[in-house]
C-alpha cells in the first residue's frame, strides 16, 4: 500500500469513527428528548345523577407509566376520589406536603384545589389509579395551572 493510500485509509477510518461517535451522541440526545409514554385513561362509566341535578359521576382508571405524570392542574367544580390499584403514586395538593401513596391507599381533591404534583413514584414500575369524579355537568374535568 502506498503512503498516500495509507493516509487516505487512516483519514476515512478516522472520519467514519468520528461520525459513528457523533451519531451515537446525537441518538442519545434524541432518545433523551423523547416524551415519556402518556398516561392511559380508560373510562369505565359515566352516570347522570337525577337526584342531584347538574351533576354526574365518572369512573375511570389511569395507567401511569414509569416516571410518568401530569403537570400542575385543577378540577373546577369536581370532587375527585382516587384509589391506588397498583404501584405507587406521588401527590401534592395546594401547599400540603408531597405524599407517596401505595397500593390500597386513597386520596381526595376538593373542587378547584391545586393538584401540584401528580406522578408515578417509580422510575421502573407502572402505577394504576382508580378515579371517581363527582362533576358539575358541562365543566372541564382538568384545567392546566398557568
C-alpha atoms as a PDB file:
ATOM      1  CA  UNK A   1       0.000   0.000   0.000  1.00  0.00           C
ATOM      2  CA  UNK A   2       1.443   3.381  -0.989  1.00  0.00           C
ATOM      3  CA  UNK A   3       1.965   6.203   1.503  1.00  0.00           C
ATOM      4  CA  UNK A   4      -0.885   8.268   0.031  1.00  0.00           C
ATOM      5  CA  UNK A   5      -3.235   5.255   0.144  1.00  0.00           C
ATOM      6  CA  UNK A   6      -2.391   4.664   3.843  1.00  0.00           C
ATOM      7  CA  UNK A   7      -3.023   8.346   4.671  1.00  0.00           C
ATOM      8  CA  UNK A   8      -6.325   8.267   2.801  1.00  0.00           C
ATOM      9  CA  UNK A   9      -7.258   4.977   4.539  1.00  0.00           C
ATOM     10  CA  UNK A  10      -6.485   6.462   8.003  1.00  0.00           C
ATOM     11  CA  UNK A  11      -8.474   9.586   7.148  1.00  0.00           C
ATOM     12  CA  UNK A  12     -11.516   7.578   6.026  1.00  0.00           C
ATOM     13  CA  UNK A  13     -11.371   5.293   9.103  1.00  0.00           C
ATOM     14  CA  UNK A  14     -10.973   8.306  11.421  1.00  0.00           C
ATOM     15  CA  UNK A  15     -13.820  10.172   9.747  1.00  0.00           C
ATOM     16  CA  UNK A  16     -16.109   7.135   9.946  1.00  0.00           C
ATOM     17  CA  UNK A  17     -15.180   6.603  13.612  1.00  0.00           C
ATOM     18  CA  UNK A  18     -15.823  10.255  14.461  1.00  0.00           C
ATOM     19  CA  UNK A  19     -19.111  10.102  12.570  1.00  0.00           C
ATOM     20  CA  UNK A  20     -20.158   6.977  14.459  1.00  0.00           C
ATOM     21  CA  UNK A  21     -19.349   8.591  17.804  1.00  0.00           C
ATOM     22  CA  UNK A  22     -21.175  11.796  16.857  1.00  0.00           C
ATOM     23  CA  UNK A  23     -24.116   9.731  15.658  1.00  0.00           C
ATOM     24  CA  UNK A  24     -24.236   7.795  18.921  1.00  0.00           C
ATOM     25  CA  UNK A  25     -24.248  11.037  20.934  1.00  0.00           C
ATOM     26  CA  UNK A  26     -26.922  12.506  18.667  1.00  0.00           C
ATOM     27  CA  UNK A  27     -29.057   9.405  19.077  1.00  0.00           C
ATOM     28  CA  UNK A  28     -28.651   9.679  22.858  1.00  0.00           C
ATOM     29  CA  UNK A  29     -29.870  13.273  22.761  1.00  0.00           C
ATOM     30  CA  UNK A  30     -32.819  12.331  20.548  1.00  0.00           C
ATOM     31  CA  UNK A  31     -33.762   9.422  22.808  1.00  0.00           C
ATOM     32  CA  UNK A  32     -33.400  11.619  25.905  1.00  0.00           C
ATOM     33  CA  UNK A  33     -35.721  14.205  24.344  1.00  0.00           C
ATOM     34  CA  UNK A  34     -38.472  11.701  23.546  1.00  0.00           C
ATOM     35  CA  UNK A  35     -41.555  12.284  25.697  1.00  0.00           C
ATOM     36  CA  UNK A  36     -42.453   9.616  28.210  1.00  0.00           C
ATOM     37  CA  UNK A  37     -45.349   7.370  27.364  1.00  0.00           C
ATOM     38  CA  UNK A  38     -48.630   9.144  28.046  1.00  0.00           C
ATOM     39  CA  UNK A  39     -50.934   8.140  30.860  1.00  0.00           C
ATOM     40  CA  UNK A  40     -53.644   5.833  29.536  1.00  0.00           C
ATOM     41  CA  UNK A  41     -57.115   6.939  30.610  1.00  0.00           C
ATOM     42  CA  UNK A  42     -59.773   4.217  30.489  1.00  0.00           C
ATOM     43  CA  UNK A  43     -63.353   5.406  31.047  1.00  0.00           C
ATOM     44  CA  UNK A  44     -65.365   2.818  32.982  1.00  0.00           C
ATOM     45  CA  UNK A  45     -68.719   4.580  33.366  1.00  0.00           C
ATOM     46  CA  UNK A  46     -70.467   7.941  33.293  1.00  0.00           C
ATOM     47  CA  UNK A  47     -73.801   8.451  35.024  1.00  0.00           C
ATOM     48  CA  UNK A  48     -76.066  11.471  35.432  1.00  0.00           C
ATOM     49  CA  UNK A  49     -77.495  11.801  38.927  1.00  0.00           C
ATOM     50  CA  UNK A  50     -81.204  12.734  38.691  1.00  0.00           C
ATOM     51  CA  UNK A  51     -81.436  13.395  42.433  1.00  0.00           C
ATOM     52  CA  UNK A  52     -78.544  15.879  42.167  1.00  0.00           C
ATOM     53  CA  UNK A  53     -79.381  17.985  39.069  1.00  0.00           C
ATOM     54  CA  UNK A  54     -76.457  19.332  37.093  1.00  0.00           C
ATOM     55  CA  UNK A  55     -74.057  16.651  38.338  1.00  0.00           C
ATOM     56  CA  UNK A  56     -72.671  13.377  37.054  1.00  0.00           C
ATOM     57  CA  UNK A  57     -70.320  10.675  38.256  1.00  0.00           C
ATOM     58  CA  UNK A  58     -67.466   9.424  36.102  1.00  0.00           C
ATOM     59  CA  UNK A  59     -65.341   6.414  36.963  1.00  0.00           C
ATOM     60  CA  UNK A  60     -62.060   5.747  35.167  1.00  0.00           C
ATOM     61  CA  UNK A  61     -58.636   4.217  35.553  1.00  0.00           C
ATOM     62  CA  UNK A  62     -55.302   5.925  34.981  1.00  0.00           C
ATOM     63  CA  UNK A  63     -52.403   3.725  33.855  1.00  0.00           C
ATOM     64  CA  UNK A  64     -49.347   5.878  34.575  1.00  0.00           C
ATOM     65  CA  UNK A  65     -46.093   4.664  33.010  1.00  0.00           C
ATOM     66  CA  UNK A  66     -42.833   4.637  34.988  1.00  0.00           C
ATOM     67  CA  UNK A  67     -41.741   8.232  35.732  1.00  0.00           C
ATOM     68  CA  UNK A  68     -44.940   9.474  34.062  1.00  0.00           C
ATOM     69  CA  UNK A  69     -47.366  12.029  35.369  1.00  0.00           C
ATOM     70  CA  UNK A  70     -49.091  15.293  34.622  1.00  0.00           C
ATOM     71  CA  UNK A  71     -48.356  18.986  35.009  1.00  0.00           C
ATOM     72  CA  UNK A  72     -49.961  21.019  37.789  1.00  0.00           C
ATOM     73  CA  UNK A  73     -53.710  21.394  37.274  1.00  0.00           C
ATOM     74  CA  UNK A  74     -57.113  21.932  38.905  1.00  0.00           C
ATOM     75  CA  UNK A  75     -60.514  20.262  38.643  1.00  0.00           C
ATOM     76  CA  UNK A  76     -63.049  23.123  38.754  1.00  0.00           C
ATOM     77  CA  UNK A  77     -66.389  22.135  40.274  1.00  0.00           C
ATOM     78  CA  UNK A  78     -65.364  18.499  40.691  1.00  0.00           C
ATOM     79  CA  UNK A  79     -64.788  16.268  43.693  1.00  0.00           C
ATOM     80  CA  UNK A  80     -62.055  13.720  42.875  1.00  0.00           C
ATOM     81  CA  UNK A  81     -61.657  10.434  44.776  1.00  0.00           C
ATOM     82  CA  UNK A  82     -58.665   8.227  43.999  1.00  0.00           C
ATOM     83  CA  UNK A  83     -57.603   4.704  44.952  1.00  0.00           C
ATOM     84  CA  UNK A  84     -54.180   3.233  44.105  1.00  0.00           C
ATOM     85  CA  UNK A  85     -54.768  -0.164  42.487  1.00  0.00           C
ATOM     86  CA  UNK A  86     -51.132  -0.923  41.566  1.00  0.00           C
ATOM     87  CA  UNK A  87     -47.711   0.616  42.079  1.00  0.00           C
ATOM     88  CA  UNK A  88     -47.072   3.898  43.855  1.00  0.00           C
ATOM     89  CA  UNK A  89     -48.271   7.443  43.263  1.00  0.00           C
ATOM     90  CA  UNK A  90     -46.897  10.839  44.334  1.00  0.00           C
ATOM     91  CA  UNK A  91     -49.413  13.574  45.044  1.00  0.00           C
ATOM     92  CA  UNK A  92     -49.224  17.129  46.366  1.00  0.00           C
ATOM     93  CA  UNK A  93     -52.342  19.225  46.854  1.00  0.00           C
ATOM     94  CA  UNK A  94     -52.111  23.004  47.357  1.00  0.00           C
ATOM     95  CA  UNK A  95     -49.351  23.724  49.895  1.00  0.00           C
ATOM     96  CA  UNK A  96     -49.622  20.384  51.697  1.00  0.00           C
ATOM     97  CA  UNK A  97     -46.544  18.131  51.831  1.00  0.00           C
ATOM     98  CA  UNK A  98     -45.960  15.761  48.921  1.00  0.00           C
ATOM     99  CA  UNK A  99     -47.154  12.243  49.746  1.00  0.00           C
ATOM    100  CA  UNK A 100     -46.293   8.857  48.294  1.00  0.00           C
ATOM    101  CA  UNK A 101     -49.292   6.546  48.167  1.00  0.00           C
ATOM    102  CA  UNK A 102     -49.043   2.804  47.604  1.00  0.00           C
ATOM    103  CA  UNK A 103     -51.472   0.046  46.664  1.00  0.00           C
ATOM    104  CA  UNK A 104     -54.683   0.303  48.698  1.00  0.00           C
ATOM    105  CA  UNK A 105     -54.279   3.959  49.720  1.00  0.00           C
ATOM    106  CA  UNK A 106     -56.727   6.723  48.790  1.00  0.00           C
ATOM    107  CA  UNK A 107     -56.824  10.470  48.194  1.00  0.00           C
ATOM    108  CA  UNK A 108     -59.398  13.237  47.786  1.00  0.00           C
ATOM    109  CA  UNK A 109     -59.238  16.511  45.847  1.00  0.00           C
ATOM    110  CA  UNK A 110     -61.737  19.268  46.600  1.00  0.00           C
ATOM    111  CA  UNK A 111     -63.220  21.322  43.730  1.00  0.00           C
ATOM    112  CA  UNK A 112     -60.667  23.784  42.352  1.00  0.00           C
ATOM    113  CA  UNK A 113     -57.866  22.532  44.600  1.00  0.00           C
ATOM    114  CA  UNK A 114     -54.364  22.779  43.083  1.00  0.00           C
ATOM    115  CA  UNK A 115     -53.038  19.345  42.136  1.00  0.00           C
ATOM    116  CA  UNK A 116     -49.397  20.497  42.220  1.00  0.00           C
ATOM    117  CA  UNK A 117     -47.817  17.028  41.886  1.00  0.00           C
ATOM    118  CA  UNK A 118     -49.400  14.044  40.159  1.00  0.00           C
ATOM    119  CA  UNK A 119     -46.969  11.347  39.050  1.00  0.00           C
ATOM    120  CA  UNK A 120     -45.863   7.767  39.254  1.00  0.00           C
ATOM    121  CA  UNK A 121     -43.476   7.443  42.208  1.00  0.00           C
ATOM    122  CA  UNK A 122     -41.460   4.745  40.416  1.00  0.00           C
ATOM    123  CA  UNK A 123     -38.947   5.113  37.600  1.00  0.00           C
ATOM    124  CA  UNK A 124     -39.326   1.422  36.670  1.00  0.00           C
ATOM    125  CA  UNK A 125     -42.823   0.148  37.554  1.00  0.00           C
ATOM    126  CA  UNK A 126     -46.206   1.344  36.231  1.00  0.00           C
ATOM    127  CA  UNK A 127     -48.943   2.658  38.521  1.00  0.00           C
ATOM    128  CA  UNK A 128     -52.698   2.245  38.174  1.00  0.00           C
ATOM    129  CA  UNK A 129     -55.216   4.547  39.854  1.00  0.00           C
ATOM    130  CA  UNK A 130     -58.995   4.172  40.074  1.00  0.00           C
ATOM    131  CA  UNK A 131     -60.607   7.636  39.944  1.00  0.00           C
ATOM    132  CA  UNK A 132     -64.209   8.573  40.744  1.00  0.00           C
ATOM    133  CA  UNK A 133     -65.254  12.098  39.792  1.00  0.00           C
ATOM    134  CA  UNK A 134     -68.378  13.823  41.080  1.00  0.00           C
ATOM    135  CA  UNK A 135     -68.582  16.552  38.463  1.00  0.00           C
ATOM    136  CA  UNK A 136     -70.641  19.583  37.657  1.00  0.00           C
ATOM    137  CA  UNK A 137     -72.053  18.784  34.227  1.00  0.00           C
ATOM    138  CA  UNK A 138     -70.504  20.846  31.440  1.00  0.00           C
ATOM    139  CA  UNK A 139     -67.366  21.945  33.301  1.00  0.00           C
ATOM    140  CA  UNK A 140     -63.941  20.815  32.052  1.00  0.00           C
ATOM    141  CA  UNK A 141     -62.536  17.910  34.065  1.00  0.00           C
ATOM    142  CA  UNK A 142     -58.988  19.301  34.140  1.00  0.00           C
ATOM    143  CA  UNK A 143     -57.628  22.823  33.729  1.00  0.00           C
ATOM    144  CA  UNK A 144     -53.825  23.254  33.482  1.00  0.00           C
ATOM    145  CA  UNK A 145     -52.273  25.576  36.032  1.00  0.00           C
ATOM    146  CA  UNK A 146     -50.647  28.594  34.318  1.00  0.00           C
END
